[in-house]
Every structure is written in C-alpha cells, then in structure tokens.
Amino acid sequence: MFTGQPEYSHKRTGNFAYNSWRLTIPGSKVSFPVELDGHDTVLANFTWAGWGADTIVNIYFNDQPIAAGHEVHGHAWNSPATDTFEIPAGNCSDSCRITLELDHRSPMVLFIKDLTLTDKKPDDNTDENDEITKEE
C-alpha cells in the first residue's frame, strides 16, 4: 500500500506532461513510500514510455537493486509499455520505498503513467494476482 505521495530527488527533476509524470535529468529519482507487511513477494507493474536504449532506468527497493540498466520502450501519447518486476517485500514497514532512477547514461526522459502493486501468487500465474494498490 502506498503511504504517501511520490518524492522526487530534486524539484527540477520532473514534471507532469502528456498525461504522465516525467523524469527529465539523468540521475534523477522518484521514490514511492510503501507498506508491504504481510506480503512476501509483490509485483510492481510500471506503465511507462521511453526511447528504448536511450531511456535506461534502475529500480531499487529500500536501496537494494531490483533492476539495473532496464531499457524502457513505449509511446507516451497512445501506447505506453508495461514492465513487471518482483519486489521481495519481506517484513516491510511504512518506511519502505520503491525508487525509480533515470540512469546517468540516459540521454532521453522517462514518462511514468502509473505504478500498480499486486501480490504474487505461489503458482506464479500473474493473470490471477490480486491488485494491492495503484498510484497514478
């Protein structure tokens, strides 16, 4: 569950455009405070857009890497991409954070449409996962 508003690394790192939030400066970050007590593994579904190899992101959970050097595809105006990452929630309290960073090597911006968290079922069938919460 999200416990507050997203927090940006600097007030000039992003803005709202094309019905999406943007990270505009390489190295900029946005953190989503979450409370995941009672959840072993959570799937983080990012709906976003970028320019492939020119939009590279890193994802962290409590400063531990979840994905590094991930290329973001999709079109911000009409066909954003959705990528899913496993978050090992463990005993997460209200001080936990999912952080998205625009890699220092990225010459292009990142558009973020939304982030949805779902419980991962033991059978690994992602079509039947229960939605926990959604942040737009």
C-alpha atoms as a PDB file:
ATOM      1  CA  MET A   1       0.000   0.000   0.000  1.00  0.00           C
ATOM      2  CA  PHE A   2       1.282   3.474  -0.817  1.00  0.00           C
ATOM      3  CA  THR A   3       1.710   5.510   2.351  1.00  0.00           C
ATOM      4  CA  GLY A   4       2.333   8.951   0.866  1.00  0.00           C
ATOM      5  CA  GLN A   5       2.986  10.996  -2.234  1.00  0.00           C
ATOM      6  CA  PRO A   6       5.922  10.214  -4.555  1.00  0.00           C
ATOM      7  CA  GLU A   7       9.101  12.046  -3.550  1.00  0.00           C
ATOM      8  CA  TYR A   8      11.487  13.425  -6.173  1.00  0.00           C
ATOM      9  CA  SER A   9      15.254  13.746  -5.693  1.00  0.00           C
ATOM     10  CA  HIS A  10      15.087  17.419  -6.698  1.00  0.00           C
ATOM     11  CA  LYS A  11      12.216  19.744  -7.533  1.00  0.00           C
ATOM     12  CA  ARG A  12      13.536  20.261 -11.097  1.00  0.00           C
ATOM     13  CA  THR A  13      13.927  16.548 -11.887  1.00  0.00           C
ATOM     14  CA  GLY A  14      10.449  16.016 -13.262  1.00  0.00           C
ATOM     15  CA  ASN A  15       7.067  17.427 -14.151  1.00  0.00           C
ATOM     16  CA  PHE A  16       3.672  16.357 -15.477  1.00  0.00           C
ATOM     17  CA  ALA A  17       3.270  16.266 -19.280  1.00  0.00           C
ATOM     18  CA  TYR A  18       1.374  14.119 -21.820  1.00  0.00           C
ATOM     19  CA  ASN A  19      -0.774  12.671 -19.010  1.00  0.00           C
ATOM     20  CA  SER A  20       2.363  11.212 -17.366  1.00  0.00           C
ATOM     21  CA  TRP A  21       4.987  12.164 -14.825  1.00  0.00           C
ATOM     22  CA  ARG A  22       8.431  12.670 -16.320  1.00  0.00           C
ATOM     23  CA  LEU A  23      11.953  12.217 -15.013  1.00  0.00           C
ATOM     24  CA  THR A  24      13.960  14.660 -17.088  1.00  0.00           C
ATOM     25  CA  ILE A  25      17.502  14.754 -15.672  1.00  0.00           C
ATOM     26  CA  PRO A  26      19.885  11.760 -15.830  1.00  0.00           C
ATOM     27  CA  GLY A  27      20.415  10.509 -12.277  1.00  0.00           C
ATOM     28  CA  SER A  28      17.081  11.887 -11.063  1.00  0.00           C
ATOM     29  CA  LYS A  29      14.922   9.672  -8.844  1.00  0.00           C
ATOM     30  CA  VAL A  30      11.346   9.303  -7.676  1.00  0.00           C
ATOM     31  CA  SER A  31      10.541   7.238  -4.576  1.00  0.00           C
ATOM     32  CA  PHE A  32       7.192   5.711  -3.693  1.00  0.00           C
ATOM     33  CA  PRO A  33       6.714   5.113   0.053  1.00  0.00           C
ATOM     34  CA  VAL A  34       5.005   1.748   0.653  1.00  0.00           C
ATOM     35  CA  GLU A  35       3.914  -0.517   3.476  1.00  0.00           C
ATOM     36  CA  LEU A  36       4.024  -4.161   2.447  1.00  0.00           C
ATOM     37  CA  ASP A  37       3.627  -6.014   5.775  1.00  0.00           C
ATOM     38  CA  GLY A  38       2.014  -9.399   5.207  1.00  0.00           C
ATOM     39  CA  HIS A  39       3.243  -9.685   1.615  1.00  0.00           C
ATOM     40  CA  ASP A  40       6.164 -11.973   0.763  1.00  0.00           C
ATOM     41  CA  THR A  41       6.630 -11.009  -2.882  1.00  0.00           C
ATOM     42  CA  VAL A  42       4.943  -8.149  -4.691  1.00  0.00           C
ATOM     43  CA  LEU A  43       4.847  -7.496  -8.419  1.00  0.00           C
ATOM     44  CA  ALA A  44       5.499  -3.861  -9.360  1.00  0.00           C
ATOM     45  CA  ASN A  45       3.848  -3.109 -12.708  1.00  0.00           C
ATOM     46  CA  PHE A  46       5.196   0.092 -14.261  1.00  0.00           C
ATOM     47  CA  THR A  47       3.256   1.626 -17.161  1.00  0.00           C
ATOM     48  CA  TRP A  48       5.668   4.000 -18.838  1.00  0.00           C
ATOM     49  CA  ALA A  49       7.248   5.183 -22.068  1.00  0.00           C
ATOM     50  CA  GLY A  50      10.739   5.888 -23.307  1.00  0.00           C
ATOM     51  CA  TRP A  51      13.115   5.611 -26.232  1.00  0.00           C
ATOM     52  CA  GLY A  52      14.483   2.096 -25.715  1.00  0.00           C
ATOM     53  CA  ALA A  53      18.268   2.152 -25.323  1.00  0.00           C
ATOM     54  CA  ASP A  54      18.144   5.935 -24.850  1.00  0.00           C
ATOM     55  CA  THR A  55      15.876   5.655 -21.763  1.00  0.00           C
ATOM     56  CA  ILE A  56      17.558   3.470 -19.156  1.00  0.00           C
ATOM     57  CA  VAL A  57      16.214   3.030 -15.624  1.00  0.00           C
ATOM     58  CA  ASN A  58      17.316   1.452 -12.371  1.00  0.00           C
ATOM     59  CA  ILE A  59      14.805   0.252  -9.770  1.00  0.00           C
ATOM     60  CA  TYR A  60      15.508  -0.155  -6.058  1.00  0.00           C
ATOM     61  CA  PHE A  61      13.574  -1.443  -3.068  1.00  0.00           C
ATOM     62  CA  ASN A  62      14.976   0.067   0.142  1.00  0.00           C
ATOM     63  CA  ASP A  63      18.186   0.929  -1.740  1.00  0.00           C
ATOM     64  CA  GLN A  64      18.624  -2.705  -2.873  1.00  0.00           C
ATOM     65  CA  PRO A  65      18.740  -3.115  -6.681  1.00  0.00           C
ATOM     66  CA  ILE A  66      15.727  -4.788  -8.280  1.00  0.00           C
ATOM     67  CA  ALA A  67      16.593  -3.927 -11.904  1.00  0.00           C
ATOM     68  CA  ALA A  68      19.642  -2.210 -13.365  1.00  0.00           C
ATOM     69  CA  GLY A  69      20.066  -0.811 -16.860  1.00  0.00           C
ATOM     70  CA  HIS A  70      16.499  -1.613 -17.940  1.00  0.00           C
ATOM     71  CA  GLU A  71      15.546  -0.103 -21.319  1.00  0.00           C
ATOM     72  CA  VAL A  72      12.084   1.495 -21.412  1.00  0.00           C
ATOM     73  CA  HIS A  73      10.021   1.317 -24.594  1.00  0.00           C
ATOM     74  CA  GLY A  74       6.531   2.574 -25.407  1.00  0.00           C
ATOM     75  CA  HIS A  75       4.906   5.744 -26.670  1.00  0.00           C
ATOM     76  CA  ALA A  76       3.807   8.391 -24.142  1.00  0.00           C
ATOM     77  CA  TRP A  77       0.815   9.621 -26.115  1.00  0.00           C
ATOM     78  CA  ASN A  78      -1.062   6.458 -27.021  1.00  0.00           C
ATOM     79  CA  SER A  79       0.734   3.171 -26.328  1.00  0.00           C
ATOM     80  CA  PRO A  80       2.867   3.080 -23.185  1.00  0.00           C
ATOM     81  CA  ALA A  81       4.679  -0.149 -22.282  1.00  0.00           C
ATOM     82  CA  THR A  82       4.128  -2.151 -19.097  1.00  0.00           C
ATOM     83  CA  ASP A  83       7.029  -3.922 -17.397  1.00  0.00           C
ATOM     84  CA  THR A  84       6.751  -6.025 -14.247  1.00  0.00           C
ATOM     85  CA  PHE A  85       9.403  -6.532 -11.564  1.00  0.00           C
ATOM     86  CA  GLU A  86       9.367  -8.744  -8.456  1.00  0.00           C
ATOM     87  CA  ILE A  87       9.800  -6.939  -5.149  1.00  0.00           C
ATOM     88  CA  PRO A  88      10.861  -9.194  -2.236  1.00  0.00           C
ATOM     89  CA  ALA A  89       8.701  -7.448   0.363  1.00  0.00           C
ATOM     90  CA  GLY A  90       9.646  -9.472   3.450  1.00  0.00           C
ATOM     91  CA  ASN A  91       8.860  -7.553   6.642  1.00  0.00           C
ATOM     92  CA  CYS A  92       8.452  -4.125   5.142  1.00  0.00           C
ATOM     93  CA  SER A  93       7.129  -1.383   7.389  1.00  0.00           C
ATOM     94  CA  ASP A  94       5.863   2.094   6.481  1.00  0.00           C
ATOM     95  CA  SER A  95       9.427   3.318   5.922  1.00  0.00           C
ATOM     96  CA  CYS A  96       9.972   1.175   2.810  1.00  0.00           C
ATOM     97  CA  ARG A  97      10.406   2.703  -0.647  1.00  0.00           C
ATOM     98  CA  ILE A  98      10.326   1.657  -4.267  1.00  0.00           C
ATOM     99  CA  THR A  99      12.710   4.007  -6.078  1.00  0.00           C
ATOM    100  CA  LEU A 100      12.924   4.586  -9.806  1.00  0.00           C
ATOM    101  CA  GLU A 101      16.076   6.258 -11.166  1.00  0.00           C
ATOM    102  CA  LEU A 102      16.739   7.603 -14.636  1.00  0.00           C
ATOM    103  CA  ASP A 103      20.196   6.171 -15.280  1.00  0.00           C
ATOM    104  CA  HIS A 104      23.138   8.570 -15.671  1.00  0.00           C
ATOM    105  CA  ARG A 105      23.673   7.193 -19.206  1.00  0.00           C
ATOM    106  CA  SER A 106      20.161   8.173 -20.383  1.00  0.00           C
ATOM    107  CA  PRO A 107      20.082  10.999 -22.921  1.00  0.00           C
ATOM    108  CA  MET A 108      16.239  10.877 -23.083  1.00  0.00           C
ATOM    109  CA  VAL A 109      13.480  11.393 -20.498  1.00  0.00           C
ATOM    110  CA  LEU A 110      11.191   8.818 -18.885  1.00  0.00           C
ATOM    111  CA  PHE A 111       7.387   9.095 -18.884  1.00  0.00           C
ATOM    112  CA  ILE A 112       5.635   7.296 -15.985  1.00  0.00           C
ATOM    113  CA  LYS A 113       1.899   6.699 -16.405  1.00  0.00           C
ATOM    114  CA  ASP A 114       1.313   4.601 -13.256  1.00  0.00           C
ATOM    115  CA  LEU A 115       2.653   2.032 -10.828  1.00  0.00           C
ATOM    116  CA  THR A 116       0.447  -0.862  -9.699  1.00  0.00           C
ATOM    117  CA  LEU A 117       1.412  -3.321  -6.960  1.00  0.00           C
ATOM    118  CA  THR A 118      -0.027  -6.845  -6.894  1.00  0.00           C
ATOM    119  CA  ASP A 119       0.521  -9.866  -4.665  1.00  0.00           C
ATOM    120  CA  LYS A 120       2.447 -12.638  -6.364  1.00  0.00           C
ATOM    121  CA  LYS A 121       0.590 -15.934  -6.134  1.00  0.00           C
ATOM    122  CA  PRO A 122       2.603 -19.074  -5.283  1.00  0.00           C
ATOM    123  CA  ASP A 123       1.686 -20.640  -8.654  1.00  0.00           C
ATOM    124  CA  ASP A 124       3.337 -17.667 -10.460  1.00  0.00           C
ATOM    125  CA  ASN A 125       0.277 -17.105 -12.683  1.00  0.00           C
ATOM    126  CA  THR A 126       0.401 -13.298 -12.972  1.00  0.00           C
ATOM    127  CA  ASP A 127      -3.060 -13.149 -14.602  1.00  0.00           C
ATOM    128  CA  GLU A 128      -4.677 -14.074 -11.290  1.00  0.00           C
ATOM    129  CA  ASN A 129      -2.772 -11.807  -8.919  1.00  0.00           C
ATOM    130  CA  ASP A 130      -4.732  -9.562  -6.564  1.00  0.00           C
ATOM    131  CA  GLU A 131      -4.214  -5.845  -7.008  1.00  0.00           C
ATOM    132  CA  ILE A 132      -2.982  -4.213  -3.793  1.00  0.00           C
ATOM    133  CA  THR A 133      -2.995  -0.597  -4.841  1.00  0.00           C
ATOM    134  CA  LYS A 134      -2.404   1.703  -7.763  1.00  0.00           C
ATOM    135  CA  GLU A 135      -0.633   5.076  -7.934  1.00  0.00           C
ATOM    136  CA  GLU A 136      -1.298   7.390 -10.889  1.00  0.00           C
END
